[in-house]
C-alpha atoms as a PDB file:
ATOM      1  CA  MET A   1       0.000   0.000   0.000  1.00  0.00           C
ATOM      2  CA  LEU A   2       1.161   3.536  -0.797  1.00  0.00           C
ATOM      3  CA  LEU A   3       0.121   6.127   1.769  1.00  0.00           C
ATOM      4  CA  LEU A   4       0.263   9.737   0.541  1.00  0.00           C
ATOM      5  CA  VAL A   5       0.242  12.205   3.415  1.00  0.00           C
ATOM      6  CA  ALA A   6       0.561  15.956   3.845  1.00  0.00           C
ATOM      7  CA  ASP A   7       3.880  17.419   4.946  1.00  0.00           C
ATOM      8  CA  SER A   8       2.092  18.794   8.014  1.00  0.00           C
ATOM      9  CA  GLU A   9       1.588  15.289   9.420  1.00  0.00           C
ATOM     10  CA  THR A  10       3.738  14.252  12.331  1.00  0.00           C
ATOM     11  CA  ASP A  11       7.422  13.595  11.721  1.00  0.00           C
ATOM     12  CA  THR A  12       7.109  10.578  13.998  1.00  0.00           C
ATOM     13  CA  PRO A  13       4.819   8.235  12.016  1.00  0.00           C
ATOM     14  CA  LEU A  14       5.070   5.512  14.680  1.00  0.00           C
ATOM     15  CA  THR A  15       3.343   7.701  17.277  1.00  0.00           C
ATOM     16  CA  ILE A  16       0.280   6.464  19.185  1.00  0.00           C
ATOM     17  CA  ASP A  17      -1.428   9.217  21.185  1.00  0.00           C
ATOM     18  CA  ASN A  18      -4.392   8.465  23.466  1.00  0.00           C
ATOM     19  CA  GLY A  19      -5.256   5.359  21.496  1.00  0.00           C
ATOM     20  CA  VAL A  20      -4.957   7.103  18.112  1.00  0.00           C
ATOM     21  CA  PRO A  21      -2.189   5.626  15.935  1.00  0.00           C
ATOM     22  CA  GLY A  22      -0.387   7.449  13.163  1.00  0.00           C
ATOM     23  CA  SER A  23      -1.591   6.578   9.671  1.00  0.00           C
ATOM     24  CA  LEU A  24       1.410   4.351   8.974  1.00  0.00           C
ATOM     25  CA  ILE A  25       0.788   2.230  12.074  1.00  0.00           C
ATOM     26  CA  LYS A  26      -2.968   2.057  11.512  1.00  0.00           C
ATOM     27  CA  TRP A  27      -2.691   0.635   8.014  1.00  0.00           C
ATOM     28  CA  ALA A  28       0.105  -1.732   9.043  1.00  0.00           C
ATOM     29  CA  GLU A  29      -2.134  -3.019  11.851  1.00  0.00           C
ATOM     30  CA  GLU A  30      -4.709  -3.856   9.192  1.00  0.00           C
ATOM     31  CA  GLY A  31      -2.230  -6.298   7.656  1.00  0.00           C
ATOM     32  CA  PHE A  32      -0.895  -4.114   4.828  1.00  0.00           C
ATOM     33  CA  THR A  33       2.728  -3.520   3.911  1.00  0.00           C
ATOM     34  CA  VAL A  34       2.883   0.281   3.812  1.00  0.00           C
ATOM     35  CA  VAL A  35       5.166   2.855   2.221  1.00  0.00           C
ATOM     36  CA  GLU A  36       4.447   6.415   3.369  1.00  0.00           C
ATOM     37  CA  ILE A  37       5.124   9.247   0.915  1.00  0.00           C
ATOM     38  CA  LYS A  38       5.052  12.917   1.926  1.00  0.00           C
ATOM     39  CA  ALA A  39       3.372  15.351  -0.474  1.00  0.00           C
ATOM     40  CA  SER A  40       6.600  17.289  -1.067  1.00  0.00           C
ATOM     41  CA  ALA A  41       8.276  14.130  -2.368  1.00  0.00           C
ATOM     42  CA  LEU A  42       5.825  13.958  -5.271  1.00  0.00           C
ATOM     43  CA  SER A  43       7.285  17.160  -6.682  1.00  0.00           C
ATOM     44  CA  LYS A  44      10.450  15.218  -7.430  1.00  0.00           C
ATOM     45  CA  GLY A  45       8.747  13.304 -10.218  1.00  0.00           C
ATOM     46  CA  SER A  46       7.140   9.948 -10.906  1.00  0.00           C
ATOM     47  CA  ASN A  47      10.235   8.073  -9.769  1.00  0.00           C
ATOM     48  CA  VAL A  48       8.961   8.443  -6.207  1.00  0.00           C
ATOM     49  CA  ILE A  49       6.004   6.159  -6.882  1.00  0.00           C
ATOM     50  CA  ARG A  50       8.162   3.737  -8.843  1.00  0.00           C
ATOM     51  CA  THR A  51      10.725   3.613  -6.044  1.00  0.00           C
ATOM     52  CA  ALA A  52       7.995   2.961  -3.481  1.00  0.00           C
ATOM     53  CA  ILE A  53       6.552   0.088  -5.520  1.00  0.00           C
ATOM     54  CA  GLU A  54      10.005  -1.436  -5.925  1.00  0.00           C
ATOM     55  CA  ALA A  55      10.412  -1.265  -2.154  1.00  0.00           C
ATOM     56  CA  LEU A  56       7.166  -3.201  -1.743  1.00  0.00           C
ATOM     57  CA  LYS A  57       8.359  -5.845  -4.194  1.00  0.00           C
ATOM     58  CA  GLN A  58      11.590  -6.295  -2.253  1.00  0.00           C
ATOM     59  CA  CYS A  59       9.867  -6.627   1.128  1.00  0.00           C
ATOM     60  CA  ALA A  60       9.874 -10.273   2.227  1.00  0.00           C
ATOM     61  CA  GLU A  61       6.653  -9.823   4.230  1.00  0.00           C
ATOM     62  CA  CYS A  62       4.766  -8.300   1.292  1.00  0.00           C
ATOM     63  CA  ASP A  63       2.638 -10.638  -0.802  1.00  0.00           C
ATOM     64  CA  TYR A  64       2.978  -8.484  -3.918  1.00  0.00           C
ATOM     65  CA  ASP A  65       0.683  -9.437  -6.785  1.00  0.00           C
ATOM     66  CA  ALA A  66       0.853  -6.335  -9.003  1.00  0.00           C
ATOM     67  CA  LYS A  67      -1.989  -4.776  -7.008  1.00  0.00           C
ATOM     68  CA  VAL A  68      -1.237  -1.694  -4.910  1.00  0.00           C
ATOM     69  CA  GLY A  69      -3.767   0.396  -3.029  1.00  0.00           C
ATOM     70  CA  VAL A  70      -3.177   4.145  -2.839  1.00  0.00           C
ATOM     71  CA  VAL A  71      -4.597   6.081   0.108  1.00  0.00           C
ATOM     72  CA  VAL A  72      -4.568   9.881  -0.119  1.00  0.00           C
ATOM     73  CA  ILE A  73      -5.512  11.635   3.117  1.00  0.00           C
ATOM     74  CA  TYR A  74      -4.906  15.304   2.381  1.00  0.00           C
ATOM     75  CA  ALA A  75      -7.388  15.948  -0.439  1.00  0.00           C
ATOM     76  CA  ASP A  76     -10.079  18.624  -0.009  1.00  0.00           C
ATOM     77  CA  GLU A  77     -13.416  19.489  -1.625  1.00  0.00           C
ATOM     78  CA  LYS A  78     -11.668  21.817  -4.051  1.00  0.00           C
ATOM     79  CA  ASP A  79     -10.110  18.678  -5.561  1.00  0.00           C
ATOM     80  CA  LYS A  80     -13.521  17.241  -6.432  1.00  0.00           C
ATOM     81  CA  ALA A  81     -13.100  17.933 -10.150  1.00  0.00           C
ATOM     82  CA  ILE A  82      -9.934  15.828 -10.171  1.00  0.00           C
ATOM     83  CA  PHE A  83     -11.841  12.820  -8.879  1.00  0.00           C
ATOM     84  CA  ASP A  84     -14.250  13.024 -11.803  1.00  0.00           C
ATOM     85  CA  GLN A  85     -11.272  12.343 -14.089  1.00  0.00           C
ATOM     86  CA  HIS A  86     -10.351   9.098 -12.329  1.00  0.00           C
ATOM     87  CA  THR A  87      -8.911   6.240 -14.376  1.00  0.00           C
ATOM     88  CA  VAL A  88      -8.891   3.660 -11.572  1.00  0.00           C
ATOM     89  CA  PRO A  89     -11.528   2.701  -8.970  1.00  0.00           C
ATOM     90  CA  THR A  90     -11.714   5.616  -6.535  1.00  0.00           C
ATOM     91  CA  LEU A  91     -13.280   6.235  -3.122  1.00  0.00           C
ATOM     92  CA  VAL A  92     -13.766   9.858  -2.031  1.00  0.00           C
ATOM     93  CA  HIS A  93     -14.607  11.310   1.394  1.00  0.00           C
ATOM     94  CA  LEU A  94     -15.873  14.904   1.182  1.00  0.00           C
ATOM     95  CA  VAL A  95     -16.793  17.336   3.923  1.00  0.00           C
ATOM     96  CA  GLY A  96     -20.208  18.919   3.444  1.00  0.00           C
ATOM     97  CA  THR A  97     -23.768  17.974   2.636  1.00  0.00           C
ATOM     98  CA  SER A  98     -25.423  16.442  -0.389  1.00  0.00           C
ATOM     99  CA  SER A  99     -28.892  15.330  -1.421  1.00  0.00           C
ATOM    100  CA  SER A 100     -27.639  11.812  -0.759  1.00  0.00           C
ATOM    101  CA  PRO A 101     -24.917  10.860   1.748  1.00  0.00           C
ATOM    102  CA  THR A 102     -23.445   8.486  -0.823  1.00  0.00           C
ATOM    103  CA  HIS A 103     -22.939   8.772  -4.578  1.00  0.00           C
ATOM    104  CA  ARG A 104     -22.006   5.589  -6.451  1.00  0.00           C
ATOM    105  CA  THR A 105     -20.960   4.697  -9.962  1.00  0.00           C
ATOM    106  CA  ALA A 106     -19.120   1.620 -11.178  1.00  0.00           C
ATOM    107  CA  ASP A 107     -15.672   2.982 -10.278  1.00  0.00           C
ATOM    108  CA  LEU A 108     -16.337   6.069  -8.140  1.00  0.00           C
ATOM    109  CA  ILE A 109     -17.898   6.136  -4.672  1.00  0.00           C
ATOM    110  CA  THR A 110     -18.281   9.441  -2.826  1.00  0.00           C
ATOM    111  CA  TYR A 111     -19.246   9.817   0.843  1.00  0.00           C
ATOM    112  CA  TYR A 112     -20.221  13.134   2.434  1.00  0.00           C
ATOM    113  CA  TYR A 113     -19.604  14.098   6.062  1.00  0.00           C
ATOM    114  CA  ALA A 114     -21.630  17.041   7.340  1.00  0.00           C
ATOM    115  CA  ASN A 115     -20.585  17.158  10.989  1.00  0.00           C
ATOM    116  CA  VAL A 116     -16.814  17.594  10.775  1.00  0.00           C
ATOM    117  CA  LYS A 117     -14.781  20.782  10.533  1.00  0.00           C
ATOM    118  CA  SER A 118     -12.540  19.983   7.583  1.00  0.00           C
ATOM    119  CA  SER A 119     -11.102  17.195   5.475  1.00  0.00           C
ATOM    120  CA  LYS A 120      -8.465  16.802   8.188  1.00  0.00           C
ATOM    121  CA  PHE A 121     -11.020  14.860  10.245  1.00  0.00           C
ATOM    122  CA  ALA A 122      -9.147  11.678   9.257  1.00  0.00           C
ATOM    123  CA  THR A 123      -5.640  13.062   9.851  1.00  0.00           C
ATOM    124  CA  PRO A 124      -4.273  11.754  13.170  1.00  0.00           C
ATOM    125  CA  PHE A 125      -3.151  14.389  15.708  1.00  0.00           C
ATOM    126  CA  HIS A 126      -4.666  17.265  13.712  1.00  0.00           C
ATOM    127  CA  HIS A 127      -6.922  19.551  15.788  1.00  0.00           C
ATOM    128  CA  HIS A 128      -9.795  18.785  13.366  1.00  0.00           C
ATOM    129  CA  PHE A 129      -9.365  15.025  13.805  1.00  0.00           C
ATOM    130  CA  HIS A 130     -12.728  13.409  14.662  1.00  0.00           C
ATOM    131  CA  TYR A 131     -12.335   9.957  16.167  1.00  0.00           C
ATOM    132  CA  GLY A 132     -15.781   8.504  15.439  1.00  0.00           C
ATOM    133  CA  THR A 133     -16.075   9.825  11.887  1.00  0.00           C
ATOM    134  CA  GLU A 134     -12.552   8.726  11.036  1.00  0.00           C
ATOM    135  CA  ALA A 135     -13.384   5.219  12.229  1.00  0.00           C
ATOM    136  CA  VAL A 136     -16.405   5.095   9.901  1.00  0.00           C
ATOM    137  CA  SER A 137     -14.410   6.382   6.925  1.00  0.00           C
ATOM    138  CA  HIS A 138     -11.599   3.926   7.671  1.00  0.00           C
ATOM    139  CA  THR A 139     -14.011   0.983   7.622  1.00  0.00           C
ATOM    140  CA  ARG A 140     -15.346   2.224   4.290  1.00  0.00           C
ATOM    141  CA  ASN A 141     -11.780   2.406   2.974  1.00  0.00           C
ATOM    142  CA  LEU A 142     -11.188  -1.215   3.933  1.00  0.00           C
ATOM    143  CA  ALA A 143     -14.449  -2.380   2.348  1.00  0.00           C
ATOM    144  CA  PHE A 144     -13.454  -0.563  -0.844  1.00  0.00           C
ATOM    145  CA  LEU A 145      -9.794  -1.607  -1.042  1.00  0.00           C
ATOM    146  CA  LYS A 146      -9.779  -5.247  -0.002  1.00  0.00           C
ATOM    147  CA  PRO A 147     -11.844  -6.724  -2.865  1.00  0.00           C
ATOM    148  CA  ARG A 148      -9.808  -4.736  -5.375  1.00  0.00           C
ATOM    149  CA  ILE A 149      -6.316  -5.622  -4.163  1.00  0.00           C
ATOM    150  CA  GLY A 150      -7.085  -9.109  -2.907  1.00  0.00           C
ATOM    151  CA  GLY A 151      -7.278  -8.649   0.861  1.00  0.00           C
ATOM    152  CA  PRO A 152      -5.864  -9.179   3.356  1.00  0.00           C
ATOM    153  CA  TYR A 153      -8.760 -11.137   4.817  1.00  0.00           C
ATOM    154  CA  PHE A 154      -8.899 -12.615   8.303  1.00  0.00           C
ATOM    155  CA  ASP A 155     -11.122 -15.131  10.081  1.00  0.00           C
ATOM    156  CA  LEU A 156     -12.813 -12.796  12.580  1.00  0.00           C
ATOM    157  CA  GLU A 157     -14.415 -15.610  14.566  1.00  0.00           C
ATOM    158  CA  ALA A 158     -11.064 -17.376  14.987  1.00  0.00           C
ATOM    159  CA  ILE A 159      -9.454 -14.125  16.170  1.00  0.00           C
ATOM    160  CA  TRP A 160     -12.173 -13.589  18.784  1.00  0.00           C
ATOM    161  CA  GLU A 161     -12.071 -17.222  19.935  1.00  0.00           C
ATOM    162  CA  GLU A 162      -8.288 -17.072  20.350  1.00  0.00           C
ATOM    163  CA  HIS A 163      -8.510 -13.830  22.312  1.00  0.00           C
ATOM    164  CA  THR A 164     -11.217 -15.040  24.703  1.00  0.00           C
ATOM    165  CA  TYR A 165      -9.417 -18.362  25.246  1.00  0.00           C
ATOM    166  CA  TYR A 166      -6.201 -16.691  26.359  1.00  0.00           C
ATOM    167  CA  GLU A 167      -8.040 -14.087  28.445  1.00  0.00           C
ATOM    168  CA  PHE A 168     -10.641 -16.218  30.234  1.00  0.00           C
ATOM    169  CA  ALA A 169      -9.504 -19.865  29.967  1.00  0.00           C
ATOM    170  CA  ASP A 170      -5.716 -19.835  29.746  1.00  0.00           C
ATOM    171  CA  ARG A 171      -5.554 -16.545  31.700  1.00  0.00           C
ATOM    172  CA  SER A 172      -2.223 -15.653  30.145  1.00  0.00           C
ATOM    173  CA  VAL A 173      -1.610 -11.907  30.108  1.00  0.00           C
ATOM    174  CA  GLU A 174       1.240 -12.276  27.633  1.00  0.00           C
ATOM    175  CA  HIS A 175      -0.756 -14.381  25.192  1.00  0.00           C
ATOM    176  CA  THR A 176      -3.867 -12.223  25.578  1.00  0.00           C
ATOM    177  CA  MET A 177      -1.921  -9.065  24.742  1.00  0.00           C
ATOM    178  CA  SER A 178      -0.389 -10.784  21.725  1.00  0.00           C
ATOM    179  CA  THR A 179      -3.888 -10.973  20.200  1.00  0.00           C
ATOM    180  CA  MET A 180      -4.335  -7.188  20.428  1.00  0.00           C
ATOM    181  CA  VAL A 181      -2.895  -4.109  18.743  1.00  0.00           C
ATOM    182  CA  GLN A 182      -0.012  -2.226  20.330  1.00  0.00           C
ATOM    183  CA  GLU A 183      -2.218   0.116  22.366  1.00  0.00           C
ATOM    184  CA  PRO A 184      -5.784  -1.294  22.431  1.00  0.00           C
ATOM    185  CA  TYR A 185      -8.860   0.291  23.994  1.00  0.00           C
ATOM    186  CA  VAL A 186     -10.758  -2.088  26.299  1.00  0.00           C
ATOM    187  CA  ASN A 187     -13.625  -1.121  28.608  1.00  0.00           C
ATOM    188  CA  HIS A 188     -14.789  -3.653  31.200  1.00  0.00           C
ATOM    189  CA  VAL A 189     -17.524  -2.992  33.750  1.00  0.00           C
ATOM    190  CA  PRO A 190     -18.244  -5.435  36.621  1.00  0.00           C
ATOM    191  CA  THR A 191     -21.550  -7.324  36.391  1.00  0.00           C
ATOM    192  CA  VAL A 192     -23.568  -9.934  38.247  1.00  0.00           C
ATOM    193  CA  GLU A 193     -24.849 -12.998  36.355  1.00  0.00           C
ATOM    194  CA  VAL A 194     -25.841 -11.172  33.205  1.00  0.00           C
ATOM    195  CA  PRO A 195     -25.684 -11.982  29.508  1.00  0.00           C
ATOM    196  CA  PHE A 196     -23.802  -9.338  27.588  1.00  0.00           C
ATOM    197  CA  THR A 197     -23.095  -8.302  24.039  1.00  0.00           C
ATOM    198  CA  ALA A 198     -19.644  -7.456  22.737  1.00  0.00           C
ATOM    199  CA  VAL A 199     -19.265  -5.036  19.843  1.00  0.00           C
ATOM    200  CA  VAL A 200     -15.778  -5.804  18.593  1.00  0.00           C
ATOM    201  CA  ASN A 201     -13.679  -3.829  16.106  1.00  0.00           C
ATOM    202  CA  ILE A 202     -10.821  -5.806  14.573  1.00  0.00           C
ATOM    203  CA  ARG A 203      -7.939  -4.029  12.856  1.00  0.00           C
ATOM    204  CA  GLY A 204      -6.199  -6.456  10.562  1.00  0.00           C
ATOM    205  CA  ASP A 205      -5.893  -9.632  12.639  1.00  0.00           C
ATOM    206  CA  ARG A 206      -5.732  -7.898  16.052  1.00  0.00           C
ATOM    207  CA  LEU A 207      -8.472  -6.614  18.347  1.00  0.00           C
ATOM    208  CA  TYR A 208      -8.703  -2.815  18.405  1.00  0.00           C
ATOM    209  CA  HIS A 209     -11.870  -1.981  20.378  1.00  0.00           C
ATOM    210  CA  GLU A 210     -14.127  -3.893  22.738  1.00  0.00           C
ATOM    211  CA  HIS A 211     -17.422  -2.387  23.894  1.00  0.00           C
ATOM    212  CA  ILE A 212     -19.171  -4.723  26.332  1.00  0.00           C
ATOM    213  CA  ALA A 213     -22.777  -3.937  27.259  1.00  0.00           C
ATOM    214  CA  TRP A 214     -25.778  -5.503  28.952  1.00  0.00           C
ATOM    215  CA  ASP A 215     -29.421  -4.802  29.802  1.00  0.00           C
ATOM    216  CA  GLN A 216     -29.233  -2.780  33.020  1.00  0.00           C
ATOM    217  CA  CYS A 217     -32.715  -3.941  34.071  1.00  0.00           C
ATOM    218  CA  THR A 218     -31.314  -7.470  34.322  1.00  0.00           C
ATOM    219  CA  VAL A 219     -28.766  -6.240  36.856  1.00  0.00           C
ATOM    220  CA  LEU A 220     -31.218  -4.121  38.860  1.00  0.00           C
ATOM    221  CA  ARG A 221     -33.711  -6.972  39.097  1.00  0.00           C
ATOM    222  CA  GLN A 222     -31.056  -9.338  40.461  1.00  0.00           C
ATOM    223  CA  LEU A 223     -29.928  -6.731  42.988  1.00  0.00           C
ATOM    224  CA  GLY A 224     -33.499  -6.217  44.179  1.00  0.00           C
ATOM    225  CA  LEU A 225     -33.473  -2.571  43.099  1.00  0.00           C
ATOM    226  CA  LEU A 226     -36.157  -2.867  40.424  1.00  0.00           C
ATOM    227  CA  PRO A 227     -39.662  -3.849  41.623  1.00  0.00           C
ATOM    228  CA  GLU A 228     -41.875  -6.142  39.607  1.00  0.00           C
ATOM    229  CA  TYR A 229     -44.607  -3.466  39.356  1.00  0.00           C
ATOM    230  CA  LEU A 230     -44.383   0.337  39.110  1.00  0.00           C
ATOM    231  CA  PRO A 231     -47.093   3.058  39.107  1.00  0.00           C
ATOM    232  CA  PHE A 232     -48.699   3.670  35.724  1.00  0.00           C
ATOM    233  CA  PRO A 233     -48.886   7.484  35.328  1.00  0.00           C
ATOM    234  CA  HIS A 234     -51.227   7.688  32.313  1.00  0.00           C
ATOM    235  CA  PRO A 235     -55.002   7.338  31.862  1.00  0.00           C
ATOM    236  CA  LEU A 236     -56.136   3.878  30.856  1.00  0.00           C
ATOM    237  CA  PRO A 237     -57.825   3.382  27.470  1.00  0.00           C
ATOM    238  CA  GLU A 238     -61.547   4.056  27.283  1.00  0.00           C
ATOM    239  CA  GLY A 239     -63.576   1.267  28.826  1.00  0.00           C
ATOM    240  CA  HIS A 240     -61.065   0.440  31.549  1.00  0.00           C
ATOM    241  CA  ALA A 241     -62.535   1.780  34.760  1.00  0.00           C
ATOM    242  CA  VAL A 242     -60.380   2.250  37.838  1.00  0.00           C
ATOM    243  CA  PRO A 243     -62.041   1.757  41.253  1.00  0.00           C
ATOM    244  CA  LEU A 244     -62.176   4.879  43.372  1.00  0.00           C
ATOM    245  CA  GLY A 245     -59.008   5.251  45.405  1.00  0.00           C
ATOM    246  CA  ALA A 246     -57.199   2.460  43.565  1.00  0.00           C
ATOM    247  CA  THR A 247     -53.715   2.793  42.114  1.00  0.00           C
ATOM    248  CA  VAL A 248     -52.884   1.544  38.629  1.00  0.00           C
ATOM    249  CA  GLN A 249     -49.596  -0.300  38.253  1.00  0.00           C
ATOM    250  CA  TYR A 250     -47.871  -1.849  35.249  1.00  0.00           C
ATOM    251  CA  ARG A 251     -45.652  -4.902  35.234  1.00  0.00           C
ATOM    252  CA  VAL A 252     -42.117  -3.860  34.324  1.00  0.00           C
ATOM    253  CA  PRO A 253     -41.047  -5.582  31.077  1.00  0.00           C
ATOM    254  CA  ALA A 254     -37.755  -6.798  32.508  1.00  0.00           C
ATOM    255  CA  SER A 255     -36.334 -10.002  33.890  1.00  0.00           C
ATOM    256  CA  GLY A 256     -33.404 -10.950  36.089  1.00  0.00           C
ATOM    257  CA  ILE A 257     -31.346 -14.118  36.120  1.00  0.00           C
ATOM    258  CA  ASP A 258     -33.850 -15.780  33.763  1.00  0.00           C
ATOM    259  CA  ILE A 259     -32.260 -13.818  30.932  1.00  0.00           C
ATOM    260  CA  ALA A 260     -28.904 -15.481  31.567  1.00  0.00           C
ATOM    261  CA  ARG A 261     -30.535 -18.901  31.945  1.00  0.00           C
ATOM    262  CA  LYS A 262     -32.344 -18.574  28.622  1.00  0.00           C
ATOM    263  CA  MET A 263     -29.089 -17.644  26.896  1.00  0.00           C
ATOM    264  CA  ARG A 264     -27.614 -20.956  28.064  1.00  0.00           C
ATOM    265  CA  ASP A 265     -30.724 -23.032  27.362  1.00  0.00           C
ATOM    266  CA  LYS A 266     -33.525 -21.621  25.237  1.00  0.00           C
ATOM    267  CA  ASN A 267     -36.008 -24.051  26.798  1.00  0.00           C
ATOM    268  CA  SER A 268     -35.220 -23.175  30.412  1.00  0.00           C
ATOM    269  CA  VAL A 269     -37.688 -20.264  30.443  1.00  0.00           C
ATOM    270  CA  ASP A 270     -40.922 -19.812  28.489  1.00  0.00           C
ATOM    271  CA  SER A 271     -40.525 -17.589  25.450  1.00  0.00           C
ATOM    272  CA  ASN A 272     -42.352 -14.313  24.838  1.00  0.00           C
ATOM    273  CA  GLY A 273     -43.994 -14.271  28.256  1.00  0.00           C
ATOM    274  CA  MET A 274     -43.706 -10.497  28.523  1.00  0.00           C
ATOM    275  CA  PHE A 275     -46.317 -10.107  25.791  1.00  0.00           C
ATOM    276  CA  ASN A 276     -48.861 -11.168  28.407  1.00  0.00           C
ATOM    277  CA  PHE A 277     -47.852  -8.558  30.985  1.00  0.00           C
ATOM    278  CA  LYS A 278     -50.786  -6.351  32.037  1.00  0.00           C
ATOM    279  CA  VAL A 279     -51.614  -3.477  34.342  1.00  0.00           C
ATOM    280  CA  ARG A 280     -53.217  -4.082  37.732  1.00  0.00           C
ATOM    281  CA  THR A 281     -55.065  -2.025  40.319  1.00  0.00           C
ATOM    282  CA  GLU A 282     -54.500  -1.967  44.060  1.00  0.00           C
END
């Protein structure tokens, strides 16, 4: 992969700051062999690109097959006309709004980003860098590049299984860390017996983000902090009379440890029972 960057980018491309890696590291973590080229080097002629490609060919770790992806991260909206003259498949990220957030043709895909300050939103360490939007654009880059240059592709399930084995079964810190990027972001929160979901972002063949979440009602019910019934503050539908002085309560659509039990065995608890929950008067 050839990575074309602005001269204003950091002079230390191997920097990782607060979980944000430099562009060179990020693309290498995805499994690519990367040559970074500063914008000023392009003024020296086409030999720069040729030299970079030769370097890729000579790299023992590079599976070179005459397919090279080029990532340009300093283009701006004023360059839009240039993209219309593309001769190779091209993906464009533009700051601004459009009638459609995505424009697609056979060889040109354009995404628009309305809530960022400038095209530098994807430039690490720039004051306009926007973490969430950059992550979305990066995923789109991968989806665009990989089919066209032949990968690299990884078995995501095998990566996750290996990681959880070392972390929870083998309990080896060294082996667990070997399944992750150099400076991963992991957020764990203590729970009781609760089923959880894990939204996992994998960069190349290493875990990059883990966001672990659960239904908080499941926790509160097990702790005895969420009652089975709560006051119903709204009028009942017409035809449902409430005795004088009575209080209307609704059954809270939440469960406790039964949620975890049903995850282990789908037949351990009746399905869809909450559809029968009703209000009551006391």
